[in-house]
Amino acid sequence: MKRMLFLVLFELKKILNRKKALLFLVALNVIPLVASLALLVAYVKFKSFGFGEVQFSVLYEIVQGLFKGHVKLFSFIAPFFLALVVGDSFSTEFSRGYMKMLLLTPINRWQVITAKTVAIMIFLLLAVFIGGMFLQADLLLARTMTQNSGVIPDSLMQELPDQLNTSKPLNLVSTSSALQLLAMTFFGNLMLIGFFIVFSLFFESAILMSFTSLSVLMGIHTFYLIASNLLSKMDPWYDTLAKWCFSRHLDDLFAIKSIENILEGKANIFAGEIFSTLLSISAWTVAFYLLATLIFSRRQILH
């Protein structure tokens, strides 16, 4: 157990020591980072010019849009960065001989691939956590700029009586909704990590591996879109085939409607279609990890 923990920490340290890792963490959270700076400037300006409070309805829409934009953009750009991180952890180490040196130590191959996988997952968790911290800063700044003044949106009117009776302020975004969105962002990308690890075992160049795996991923998703929307009208068989495209789960999970329902408290990740989608993603994640472990255990490395 101690050896595995040491190996995970060693792999995580290697990831974080790469200069591009810092760039990845910033780029993955560009929306909440920019929003934090913008809200801070707006707060200073409003205070210095004596404009007073901002209408609650205005900030409500801004913050809701901020959360939706961050989750959606993260789902778009995370695959590109995760592919490079996985490529550096596997493909690059094959080409430089680091993997051979690692396997000469008294550890099993399944321990190596598990430690690297966990380290990449922790990196992803760190990226999500940093985004959450920036979003929390955005919420704190937004709350200081309003005291629920102005027009209350219709979507919150049903909450108003209870909140007035308890003298409890209306939330721009509930803590539960925010945590669910962050958890959804993390678990939704685990499947991609497994997918990229499988490809990284066949290449010795992180760039070539990233380009190939992303091309295949986009090709699979393009087929899904064409088959489910066009080809299925000609032959139902295509619709059945399209359902096996694992990338469709990411579309379902990160659909704007799903994000809006969580933000508005109409849905949660533990029930309904969102939960079933997360279960499917978990199944694909396990399948990719087992496939990667099988391939890695049979690959000729020590020769």
C-alpha atoms as a PDB file:
ATOM      1  CA  MET A   1       0.000   0.000   0.000  1.00  0.00           C
ATOM      2  CA  LYS A   2       2.814   2.405   0.914  1.00  0.00           C
ATOM      3  CA  ARG A   3       4.597   1.568  -2.321  1.00  0.00           C
ATOM      4  CA  MET A   4       1.462   2.318  -4.342  1.00  0.00           C
ATOM      5  CA  LEU A   5       0.940   5.617  -2.506  1.00  0.00           C
ATOM      6  CA  PHE A   6       4.564   6.579  -3.122  1.00  0.00           C
ATOM      7  CA  LEU A   7       4.200   5.697  -6.804  1.00  0.00           C
ATOM      8  CA  VAL A   8       1.022   7.796  -7.165  1.00  0.00           C
ATOM      9  CA  LEU A   9       2.696  10.798  -5.509  1.00  0.00           C
ATOM     10  CA  PHE A  10       5.767  10.322  -7.708  1.00  0.00           C
ATOM     11  CA  GLU A  11       3.661  10.305 -10.879  1.00  0.00           C
ATOM     12  CA  LEU A  12       1.625  13.311  -9.722  1.00  0.00           C
ATOM     13  CA  LYS A  13       4.795  15.252  -8.962  1.00  0.00           C
ATOM     14  CA  LYS A  14       6.071  14.532 -12.485  1.00  0.00           C
ATOM     15  CA  ILE A  15       2.839  15.861 -13.987  1.00  0.00           C
ATOM     16  CA  LEU A  16       2.815  19.036 -11.894  1.00  0.00           C
ATOM     17  CA  ASN A  17       6.517  19.706 -12.527  1.00  0.00           C
ATOM     18  CA  ARG A  18       5.865  20.061 -16.241  1.00  0.00           C
ATOM     19  CA  LYS A  19       5.512  23.723 -17.215  1.00  0.00           C
ATOM     20  CA  LYS A  20       2.539  23.018 -19.437  1.00  0.00           C
ATOM     21  CA  ALA A  21       0.581  21.691 -16.418  1.00  0.00           C
ATOM     22  CA  LEU A  22       0.214  25.232 -15.038  1.00  0.00           C
ATOM     23  CA  LEU A  23      -0.950  26.423 -18.460  1.00  0.00           C
ATOM     24  CA  PHE A  24      -3.477  23.590 -18.560  1.00  0.00           C
ATOM     25  CA  LEU A  25      -4.901  24.477 -15.154  1.00  0.00           C
ATOM     26  CA  VAL A  26      -5.302  28.145 -16.136  1.00  0.00           C
ATOM     27  CA  ALA A  27      -6.735  27.411 -19.590  1.00  0.00           C
ATOM     28  CA  LEU A  28      -9.243  24.896 -18.255  1.00  0.00           C
ATOM     29  CA  ASN A  29     -10.591  27.547 -15.888  1.00  0.00           C
ATOM     30  CA  VAL A  30     -10.349  30.615 -18.104  1.00  0.00           C
ATOM     31  CA  ILE A  31     -14.024  31.610 -17.714  1.00  0.00           C
ATOM     32  CA  PRO A  32     -14.199  31.756 -13.892  1.00  0.00           C
ATOM     33  CA  LEU A  33     -10.713  33.332 -13.768  1.00  0.00           C
ATOM     34  CA  VAL A  34     -11.640  36.133 -16.172  1.00  0.00           C
ATOM     35  CA  ALA A  35     -15.024  36.537 -14.457  1.00  0.00           C
ATOM     36  CA  SER A  36     -13.314  36.924 -11.066  1.00  0.00           C
ATOM     37  CA  LEU A  37     -11.127  39.724 -12.389  1.00  0.00           C
ATOM     38  CA  ALA A  38     -14.064  41.386 -14.166  1.00  0.00           C
ATOM     39  CA  LEU A  39     -16.298  41.253 -11.088  1.00  0.00           C
ATOM     40  CA  LEU A  40     -13.495  42.574  -8.891  1.00  0.00           C
ATOM     41  CA  VAL A  41     -12.954  45.537 -11.238  1.00  0.00           C
ATOM     42  CA  ALA A  42     -16.721  46.125 -11.407  1.00  0.00           C
ATOM     43  CA  TYR A  43     -16.978  46.022  -7.609  1.00  0.00           C
ATOM     44  CA  VAL A  44     -14.168  48.569  -7.178  1.00  0.00           C
ATOM     45  CA  LYS A  45     -15.665  50.838  -9.838  1.00  0.00           C
ATOM     46  CA  PHE A  46     -19.159  50.685  -8.371  1.00  0.00           C
ATOM     47  CA  LYS A  47     -17.857  51.485  -4.907  1.00  0.00           C
ATOM     48  CA  SER A  48     -15.584  54.305  -6.055  1.00  0.00           C
ATOM     49  CA  PHE A  49     -18.265  55.972  -8.178  1.00  0.00           C
ATOM     50  CA  GLY A  50     -20.976  55.456  -5.571  1.00  0.00           C
ATOM     51  CA  PHE A  51     -23.318  53.514  -7.866  1.00  0.00           C
ATOM     52  CA  GLY A  52     -24.562  51.426  -4.940  1.00  0.00           C
ATOM     53  CA  GLU A  53     -26.038  47.950  -5.357  1.00  0.00           C
ATOM     54  CA  VAL A  54     -26.584  46.054  -8.567  1.00  0.00           C
ATOM     55  CA  GLN A  55     -30.027  44.632  -9.227  1.00  0.00           C
ATOM     56  CA  PHE A  56     -30.370  41.051  -8.044  1.00  0.00           C
ATOM     57  CA  SER A  57     -31.980  39.980 -11.317  1.00  0.00           C
ATOM     58  CA  VAL A  58     -28.989  41.238 -13.316  1.00  0.00           C
ATOM     59  CA  LEU A  59     -26.383  39.423 -11.239  1.00  0.00           C
ATOM     60  CA  TYR A  60     -28.559  36.301 -11.092  1.00  0.00           C
ATOM     61  CA  GLU A  61     -28.528  36.014 -14.869  1.00  0.00           C
ATOM     62  CA  ILE A  62     -24.789  36.781 -15.041  1.00  0.00           C
ATOM     63  CA  VAL A  63     -23.830  34.175 -12.451  1.00  0.00           C
ATOM     64  CA  GLN A  64     -26.130  31.526 -13.923  1.00  0.00           C
ATOM     65  CA  GLY A  65     -24.597  32.151 -17.342  1.00  0.00           C
ATOM     66  CA  LEU A  66     -21.121  32.000 -15.821  1.00  0.00           C
ATOM     67  CA  PHE A  67     -21.700  28.537 -14.360  1.00  0.00           C
ATOM     68  CA  LYS A  68     -23.259  27.236 -17.586  1.00  0.00           C
ATOM     69  CA  GLY A  69     -20.456  28.697 -19.692  1.00  0.00           C
ATOM     70  CA  HIS A  70     -17.716  27.278 -17.496  1.00  0.00           C
ATOM     71  CA  VAL A  71     -19.107  23.721 -17.425  1.00  0.00           C
ATOM     72  CA  LYS A  72     -19.770  23.743 -21.170  1.00  0.00           C
ATOM     73  CA  LEU A  73     -16.367  25.200 -22.124  1.00  0.00           C
ATOM     74  CA  PHE A  74     -14.581  22.807 -19.751  1.00  0.00           C
ATOM     75  CA  SER A  75     -16.253  19.884 -21.515  1.00  0.00           C
ATOM     76  CA  PHE A  76     -15.092  21.243 -24.893  1.00  0.00           C
ATOM     77  CA  ILE A  77     -11.435  21.942 -24.138  1.00  0.00           C
ATOM     78  CA  ALA A  78     -10.646  19.337 -21.449  1.00  0.00           C
ATOM     79  CA  PRO A  79     -10.129  16.502 -24.007  1.00  0.00           C
ATOM     80  CA  PHE A  80      -7.301  18.405 -25.735  1.00  0.00           C
ATOM     81  CA  PHE A  81      -5.393  18.995 -22.505  1.00  0.00           C
ATOM     82  CA  LEU A  82      -6.101  15.564 -21.024  1.00  0.00           C
ATOM     83  CA  ALA A  83      -4.783  13.927 -24.206  1.00  0.00           C
ATOM     84  CA  LEU A  84      -1.465  15.762 -23.833  1.00  0.00           C
ATOM     85  CA  VAL A  85      -1.195  14.995 -20.115  1.00  0.00           C
ATOM     86  CA  VAL A  86      -1.842  11.301 -20.742  1.00  0.00           C
ATOM     87  CA  GLY A  87       0.586  11.341 -23.677  1.00  0.00           C
ATOM     88  CA  ASP A  88       3.333  12.804 -21.493  1.00  0.00           C
ATOM     89  CA  SER A  89       2.695  10.234 -18.763  1.00  0.00           C
ATOM     90  CA  PHE A  90       2.800   7.213 -21.076  1.00  0.00           C
ATOM     91  CA  SER A  91       3.959   7.778 -24.667  1.00  0.00           C
ATOM     92  CA  THR A  92       6.800  10.166 -23.838  1.00  0.00           C
ATOM     93  CA  GLU A  93       8.111   7.866 -21.111  1.00  0.00           C
ATOM     94  CA  PHE A  94       8.196   4.960 -23.581  1.00  0.00           C
ATOM     95  CA  SER A  95      10.348   6.966 -26.004  1.00  0.00           C
ATOM     96  CA  ARG A  96      12.766   8.279 -23.340  1.00  0.00           C
ATOM     97  CA  GLY A  97      13.231   4.955 -21.613  1.00  0.00           C
ATOM     98  CA  TYR A  98      11.686   6.087 -18.319  1.00  0.00           C
ATOM     99  CA  MET A  99       9.085   3.335 -18.486  1.00  0.00           C
ATOM    100  CA  LYS A 100      11.771   0.675 -18.823  1.00  0.00           C
ATOM    101  CA  MET A 101      13.630   2.063 -15.808  1.00  0.00           C
ATOM    102  CA  LEU A 102      10.397   2.105 -13.800  1.00  0.00           C
ATOM    103  CA  LEU A 103       9.631  -1.507 -14.643  1.00  0.00           C
ATOM    104  CA  LEU A 104      13.103  -2.591 -13.515  1.00  0.00           C
ATOM    105  CA  THR A 105      12.050  -1.709  -9.961  1.00  0.00           C
ATOM    106  CA  PRO A 106      10.154  -4.328  -7.872  1.00  0.00           C
ATOM    107  CA  ILE A 107       6.637  -3.284  -8.878  1.00  0.00           C
ATOM    108  CA  ASN A 108       3.975  -4.948 -10.999  1.00  0.00           C
ATOM    109  CA  ARG A 109       2.780  -3.536 -14.290  1.00  0.00           C
ATOM    110  CA  TRP A 110      -0.776  -3.128 -13.050  1.00  0.00           C
ATOM    111  CA  GLN A 111       0.604  -0.974 -10.243  1.00  0.00           C
ATOM    112  CA  VAL A 112       2.358   1.272 -12.750  1.00  0.00           C
ATOM    113  CA  ILE A 113      -0.695   1.863 -14.919  1.00  0.00           C
ATOM    114  CA  THR A 114      -2.948   2.254 -11.859  1.00  0.00           C
ATOM    115  CA  ALA A 115      -0.617   4.806 -10.266  1.00  0.00           C
ATOM    116  CA  LYS A 116      -0.355   6.824 -13.466  1.00  0.00           C
ATOM    117  CA  THR A 117      -4.126   6.699 -13.977  1.00  0.00           C
ATOM    118  CA  VAL A 118      -4.820   7.840 -10.398  1.00  0.00           C
ATOM    119  CA  ALA A 119      -2.256  10.644 -10.737  1.00  0.00           C
ATOM    120  CA  ILE A 120      -3.959  11.918 -13.905  1.00  0.00           C
ATOM    121  CA  MET A 121      -7.342  11.706 -12.162  1.00  0.00           C
ATOM    122  CA  ILE A 122      -5.956  13.776  -9.285  1.00  0.00           C
ATOM    123  CA  PHE A 123      -4.706  16.337 -11.807  1.00  0.00           C
ATOM    124  CA  LEU A 124      -8.202  16.506 -13.278  1.00  0.00           C
ATOM    125  CA  LEU A 125      -9.668  16.835  -9.773  1.00  0.00           C
ATOM    126  CA  LEU A 126      -7.224  19.669  -9.092  1.00  0.00           C
ATOM    127  CA  ALA A 127      -8.348  21.450 -12.265  1.00  0.00           C
ATOM    128  CA  VAL A 128     -11.998  21.116 -11.219  1.00  0.00           C
ATOM    129  CA  PHE A 129     -11.178  22.250  -7.675  1.00  0.00           C
ATOM    130  CA  ILE A 130      -9.385  25.375  -8.905  1.00  0.00           C
ATOM    131  CA  GLY A 131     -12.359  26.187 -11.116  1.00  0.00           C
ATOM    132  CA  GLY A 132     -14.621  25.746  -8.101  1.00  0.00           C
ATOM    133  CA  MET A 133     -12.498  28.121  -6.042  1.00  0.00           C
ATOM    134  CA  PHE A 134     -12.670  30.787  -8.760  1.00  0.00           C
ATOM    135  CA  LEU A 135     -16.427  30.303  -9.072  1.00  0.00           C
ATOM    136  CA  GLN A 136     -16.761  30.639  -5.300  1.00  0.00           C
ATOM    137  CA  ALA A 137     -14.803  33.891  -5.480  1.00  0.00           C
ATOM    138  CA  ASP A 138     -17.177  35.056  -8.223  1.00  0.00           C
ATOM    139  CA  LEU A 139     -20.167  34.263  -5.997  1.00  0.00           C
ATOM    140  CA  LEU A 140     -18.700  36.107  -3.025  1.00  0.00           C
ATOM    141  CA  LEU A 141     -18.009  39.191  -5.145  1.00  0.00           C
ATOM    142  CA  ALA A 142     -21.472  39.040  -6.701  1.00  0.00           C
ATOM    143  CA  ARG A 143     -23.158  38.769  -3.313  1.00  0.00           C
ATOM    144  CA  THR A 144     -21.360  41.867  -2.051  1.00  0.00           C
ATOM    145  CA  MET A 145     -22.707  43.825  -5.015  1.00  0.00           C
ATOM    146  CA  THR A 146     -26.359  43.112  -4.276  1.00  0.00           C
ATOM    147  CA  GLN A 147     -28.702  42.634  -1.346  1.00  0.00           C
ATOM    148  CA  ASN A 148     -31.523  41.075  -3.360  1.00  0.00           C
ATOM    149  CA  SER A 149     -32.547  44.540  -4.551  1.00  0.00           C
ATOM    150  CA  GLY A 150     -34.336  45.096  -7.831  1.00  0.00           C
ATOM    151  CA  VAL A 151     -36.626  42.759  -9.728  1.00  0.00           C
ATOM    152  CA  ILE A 152     -36.626  39.108  -8.678  1.00  0.00           C
ATOM    153  CA  PRO A 153     -36.651  36.635 -11.627  1.00  0.00           C
ATOM    154  CA  ASP A 154     -39.844  34.621 -12.136  1.00  0.00           C
ATOM    155  CA  SER A 155     -37.890  31.396 -11.654  1.00  0.00           C
ATOM    156  CA  LEU A 156     -37.209  32.421  -8.035  1.00  0.00           C
ATOM    157  CA  MET A 157     -40.640  33.758  -7.149  1.00  0.00           C
ATOM    158  CA  GLN A 158     -41.793  30.365  -5.860  1.00  0.00           C
ATOM    159  CA  GLU A 159     -38.918  30.376  -3.338  1.00  0.00           C
ATOM    160  CA  LEU A 160     -39.695  33.891  -2.108  1.00  0.00           C
ATOM    161  CA  PRO A 161     -42.388  33.227   0.564  1.00  0.00           C
ATOM    162  CA  ASP A 162     -40.351  30.654   2.493  1.00  0.00           C
ATOM    163  CA  GLN A 163     -37.214  32.751   2.295  1.00  0.00           C
ATOM    164  CA  LEU A 164     -39.027  35.855   3.490  1.00  0.00           C
ATOM    165  CA  ASN A 165     -40.482  33.986   6.466  1.00  0.00           C
ATOM    166  CA  THR A 166     -37.036  32.786   7.547  1.00  0.00           C
ATOM    167  CA  SER A 167     -35.263  36.021   6.645  1.00  0.00           C
ATOM    168  CA  LYS A 168     -32.937  33.919   4.536  1.00  0.00           C
ATOM    169  CA  PRO A 169     -31.357  35.669   1.514  1.00  0.00           C
ATOM    170  CA  LEU A 170     -31.924  34.296  -1.949  1.00  0.00           C
ATOM    171  CA  ASN A 171     -28.949  32.473  -3.421  1.00  0.00           C
ATOM    172  CA  LEU A 172     -27.496  33.314  -6.806  1.00  0.00           C
ATOM    173  CA  VAL A 173     -26.454  29.640  -7.031  1.00  0.00           C
ATOM    174  CA  SER A 174     -27.166  27.072  -4.330  1.00  0.00           C
ATOM    175  CA  THR A 175     -24.216  25.224  -2.787  1.00  0.00           C
ATOM    176  CA  SER A 176     -25.778  21.888  -3.731  1.00  0.00           C
ATOM    177  CA  SER A 177     -26.126  22.860  -7.401  1.00  0.00           C
ATOM    178  CA  ALA A 178     -22.559  24.166  -7.577  1.00  0.00           C
ATOM    179  CA  LEU A 179     -21.084  20.997  -6.038  1.00  0.00           C
ATOM    180  CA  GLN A 180     -23.145  18.770  -8.328  1.00  0.00           C
ATOM    181  CA  LEU A 181     -21.933  20.620 -11.417  1.00  0.00           C
ATOM    182  CA  LEU A 182     -18.308  20.304 -10.308  1.00  0.00           C
ATOM    183  CA  ALA A 183     -18.760  16.590  -9.537  1.00  0.00           C
ATOM    184  CA  MET A 184     -20.418  16.092 -12.928  1.00  0.00           C
ATOM    185  CA  THR A 185     -17.491  17.833 -14.637  1.00  0.00           C
ATOM    186  CA  PHE A 186     -14.982  15.569 -12.885  1.00  0.00           C
ATOM    187  CA  PHE A 187     -16.709  12.211 -13.379  1.00  0.00           C
ATOM    188  CA  GLY A 188     -17.717  13.063 -16.942  1.00  0.00           C
ATOM    189  CA  ASN A 189     -14.071  13.368 -18.007  1.00  0.00           C
ATOM    190  CA  LEU A 190     -12.834  10.152 -16.384  1.00  0.00           C
ATOM    191  CA  MET A 191     -13.993   8.187 -19.419  1.00  0.00           C
ATOM    192  CA  LEU A 192     -11.773  10.317 -21.672  1.00  0.00           C
ATOM    193  CA  ILE A 193      -8.744   9.597 -19.489  1.00  0.00           C
ATOM    194  CA  GLY A 194      -9.275   5.859 -19.984  1.00  0.00           C
ATOM    195  CA  PHE A 195      -9.769   6.322 -23.730  1.00  0.00           C
ATOM    196  CA  PHE A 196      -6.534   8.309 -24.091  1.00  0.00           C
ATOM    197  CA  ILE A 197      -4.536   5.849 -21.967  1.00  0.00           C
ATOM    198  CA  VAL A 198      -5.450   3.014 -24.353  1.00  0.00           C
ATOM    199  CA  PHE A 199      -4.112   5.029 -27.322  1.00  0.00           C
ATOM    200  CA  SER A 200      -0.990   6.173 -25.462  1.00  0.00           C
ATOM    201  CA  LEU A 201       0.210   2.574 -25.189  1.00  0.00           C
ATOM    202  CA  PHE A 202       0.680   2.383 -28.972  1.00  0.00           C
ATOM    203  CA  PHE A 203       2.723   5.573 -29.464  1.00  0.00           C
ATOM    204  CA  GLU A 204       6.064   6.985 -28.352  1.00  0.00           C
ATOM    205  CA  SER A 205       5.205  10.603 -29.143  1.00  0.00           C
ATOM    206  CA  ALA A 206       2.761  12.570 -27.014  1.00  0.00           C
ATOM    207  CA  ILE A 207       1.901  14.920 -29.895  1.00  0.00           C
ATOM    208  CA  LEU A 208       1.250  12.099 -32.377  1.00  0.00           C
ATOM    209  CA  MET A 209      -0.753  10.168 -29.781  1.00  0.00           C
ATOM    210  CA  SER A 210      -2.861  13.247 -28.955  1.00  0.00           C
ATOM    211  CA  PHE A 211      -3.521  14.016 -32.612  1.00  0.00           C
ATOM    212  CA  THR A 212      -4.488  10.420 -33.417  1.00  0.00           C
ATOM    213  CA  SER A 213      -6.695   9.839 -30.373  1.00  0.00           C
ATOM    214  CA  LEU A 214      -8.476  13.174 -30.758  1.00  0.00           C
ATOM    215  CA  SER A 215      -9.028  12.479 -34.459  1.00  0.00           C
ATOM    216  CA  VAL A 216     -10.552   9.094 -33.633  1.00  0.00           C
ATOM    217  CA  LEU A 217     -12.674  10.652 -30.879  1.00  0.00           C
ATOM    218  CA  MET A 218     -13.991  13.349 -33.224  1.00  0.00           C
ATOM    219  CA  GLY A 219     -14.550  10.739 -35.930  1.00  0.00           C
ATOM    220  CA  ILE A 220     -16.610   8.576 -33.561  1.00  0.00           C
ATOM    221  CA  HIS A 221     -18.647  11.555 -32.452  1.00  0.00           C
ATOM    222  CA  THR A 222     -19.190  12.752 -36.027  1.00  0.00           C
ATOM    223  CA  PHE A 223     -20.473   9.307 -36.951  1.00  0.00           C
ATOM    224  CA  TYR A 224     -22.813   9.398 -33.942  1.00  0.00           C
ATOM    225  CA  LEU A 225     -24.248  12.767 -34.995  1.00  0.00           C
ATOM    226  CA  ILE A 226     -24.700  11.714 -38.618  1.00  0.00           C
ATOM    227  CA  ALA A 227     -26.022   8.234 -37.825  1.00  0.00           C
ATOM    228  CA  SER A 228     -28.514   9.364 -35.181  1.00  0.00           C
ATOM    229  CA  ASN A 229     -29.820  12.379 -37.100  1.00  0.00           C
ATOM    230  CA  LEU A 230     -29.567  11.422 -40.777  1.00  0.00           C
ATOM    231  CA  LEU A 231     -28.656   7.800 -41.459  1.00  0.00           C
ATOM    232  CA  SER A 232     -31.198   6.463 -38.943  1.00  0.00           C
ATOM    233  CA  LYS A 233     -33.970   7.856 -41.129  1.00  0.00           C
ATOM    234  CA  MET A 234     -32.800   5.587 -43.940  1.00  0.00           C
ATOM    235  CA  ASP A 235     -32.068   2.525 -41.813  1.00  0.00           C
ATOM    236  CA  PRO A 236     -32.870   2.038 -38.100  1.00  0.00           C
ATOM    237  CA  TRP A 237     -29.745  -0.118 -37.828  1.00  0.00           C
ATOM    238  CA  TYR A 238     -27.621   3.031 -37.816  1.00  0.00           C
ATOM    239  CA  ASP A 239     -29.435   4.357 -34.795  1.00  0.00           C
ATOM    240  CA  THR A 240     -28.664   1.138 -32.906  1.00  0.00           C
ATOM    241  CA  LEU A 241     -25.020   1.384 -33.928  1.00  0.00           C
ATOM    242  CA  ALA A 242     -24.860   5.049 -32.922  1.00  0.00           C
ATOM    243  CA  LYS A 243     -25.964   4.155 -29.385  1.00  0.00           C
ATOM    244  CA  TRP A 244     -22.672   2.291 -28.938  1.00  0.00           C
ATOM    245  CA  CYS A 245     -20.695   5.491 -29.547  1.00  0.00           C
ATOM    246  CA  PHE A 246     -19.487   6.289 -26.039  1.00  0.00           C
ATOM    247  CA  SER A 247     -19.018   9.987 -26.870  1.00  0.00           C
ATOM    248  CA  ARG A 248     -22.807  10.433 -26.934  1.00  0.00           C
ATOM    249  CA  HIS A 249     -22.833  10.191 -23.140  1.00  0.00           C
ATOM    250  CA  LEU A 250     -20.765  13.373 -22.927  1.00  0.00           C
ATOM    251  CA  ASP A 251     -23.286  15.173 -25.142  1.00  0.00           C
ATOM    252  CA  ASP A 252     -26.123  14.043 -22.884  1.00  0.00           C
ATOM    253  CA  LEU A 253     -24.283  14.882 -19.681  1.00  0.00           C
ATOM    254  CA  PHE A 254     -23.085  18.343 -20.679  1.00  0.00           C
ATOM    255  CA  ALA A 255     -26.202  19.427 -22.552  1.00  0.00           C
ATOM    256  CA  ILE A 256     -27.211  23.000 -21.719  1.00  0.00           C
ATOM    257  CA  LYS A 257     -30.631  21.760 -20.583  1.00  0.00           C
ATOM    258  CA  SER A 258     -29.061  19.363 -18.072  1.00  0.00           C
ATOM    259  CA  ILE A 259     -26.832  22.093 -16.666  1.00  0.00           C
ATOM    260  CA  GLU A 260     -29.765  24.513 -16.410  1.00  0.00           C
ATOM    261  CA  ASN A 261     -31.930  21.944 -14.612  1.00  0.00           C
ATOM    262  CA  ILE A 262     -29.229  21.371 -11.990  1.00  0.00           C
ATOM    263  CA  LEU A 263     -28.682  25.103 -11.502  1.00  0.00           C
ATOM    264  CA  GLU A 264     -32.404  25.687 -11.068  1.00  0.00           C
ATOM    265  CA  GLY A 265     -32.836  22.719  -8.719  1.00  0.00           C
ATOM    266  CA  LYS A 266     -35.121  20.858 -11.127  1.00  0.00           C
ATOM    267  CA  ALA A 267     -32.744  17.893 -11.378  1.00  0.00           C
ATOM    268  CA  ASN A 268     -29.780  16.378  -9.599  1.00  0.00           C
ATOM    269  CA  ILE A 269     -26.987  14.011 -10.553  1.00  0.00           C
ATOM    270  CA  PHE A 270     -28.333  11.210  -8.347  1.00  0.00           C
ATOM    271  CA  ALA A 271     -31.576  10.631 -10.239  1.00  0.00           C
ATOM    272  CA  GLY A 272     -33.077  10.546 -13.682  1.00  0.00           C
ATOM    273  CA  GLU A 273     -31.235  10.640 -16.993  1.00  0.00           C
ATOM    274  CA  ILE A 274     -28.158  12.372 -15.566  1.00  0.00           C
ATOM    275  CA  PHE A 275     -27.525   9.535 -13.110  1.00  0.00           C
ATOM    276  CA  SER A 276     -28.014   6.860 -15.790  1.00  0.00           C
ATOM    277  CA  THR A 277     -25.584   8.752 -18.037  1.00  0.00           C
ATOM    278  CA  LEU A 278     -22.998   8.874 -15.237  1.00  0.00           C
ATOM    279  CA  LEU A 279     -23.421   5.117 -14.710  1.00  0.00           C
ATOM    280  CA  SER A 280     -22.791   4.503 -18.418  1.00  0.00           C
ATOM    281  CA  ILE A 281     -19.721   6.746 -18.303  1.00  0.00           C
ATOM    282  CA  SER A 282     -18.455   4.827 -15.251  1.00  0.00           C
ATOM    283  CA  ALA A 283     -18.900   1.522 -17.094  1.00  0.00           C
ATOM    284  CA  TRP A 284     -16.943   2.813 -20.107  1.00  0.00           C
ATOM    285  CA  THR A 285     -14.241   4.150 -17.774  1.00  0.00           C
ATOM    286  CA  VAL A 286     -13.770   0.747 -16.160  1.00  0.00           C
ATOM    287  CA  ALA A 287     -13.780  -0.947 -19.583  1.00  0.00           C
ATOM    288  CA  PHE A 288     -11.066   1.376 -20.934  1.00  0.00           C
ATOM    289  CA  TYR A 289      -8.945   0.915 -17.804  1.00  0.00           C
ATOM    290  CA  LEU A 290      -9.176  -2.897 -17.984  1.00  0.00           C
ATOM    291  CA  LEU A 291      -8.341  -2.827 -21.707  1.00  0.00           C
ATOM    292  CA  ALA A 292      -5.351  -0.551 -21.063  1.00  0.00           C
ATOM    293  CA  THR A 293      -4.139  -2.831 -18.250  1.00  0.00           C
ATOM    294  CA  LEU A 294      -4.393  -5.880 -20.514  1.00  0.00           C
ATOM    295  CA  ILE A 295      -2.488  -4.181 -23.347  1.00  0.00           C
ATOM    296  CA  PHE A 296       0.185  -2.805 -21.012  1.00  0.00           C
ATOM    297  CA  SER A 297       0.730  -6.204 -19.373  1.00  0.00           C
ATOM    298  CA  ARG A 298       1.416  -7.800 -22.774  1.00  0.00           C
ATOM    299  CA  ARG A 299       3.477  -5.027 -24.356  1.00  0.00           C
ATOM    300  CA  GLN A 300       7.182  -5.719 -25.021  1.00  0.00           C
ATOM    301  CA  ILE A 301       9.044  -3.094 -23.016  1.00  0.00           C
ATOM    302  CA  LEU A 302      11.988  -4.835 -21.370  1.00  0.00           C
ATOM    303  CA  HIS A 303      13.875  -6.018 -24.455  1.00  0.00           C
END
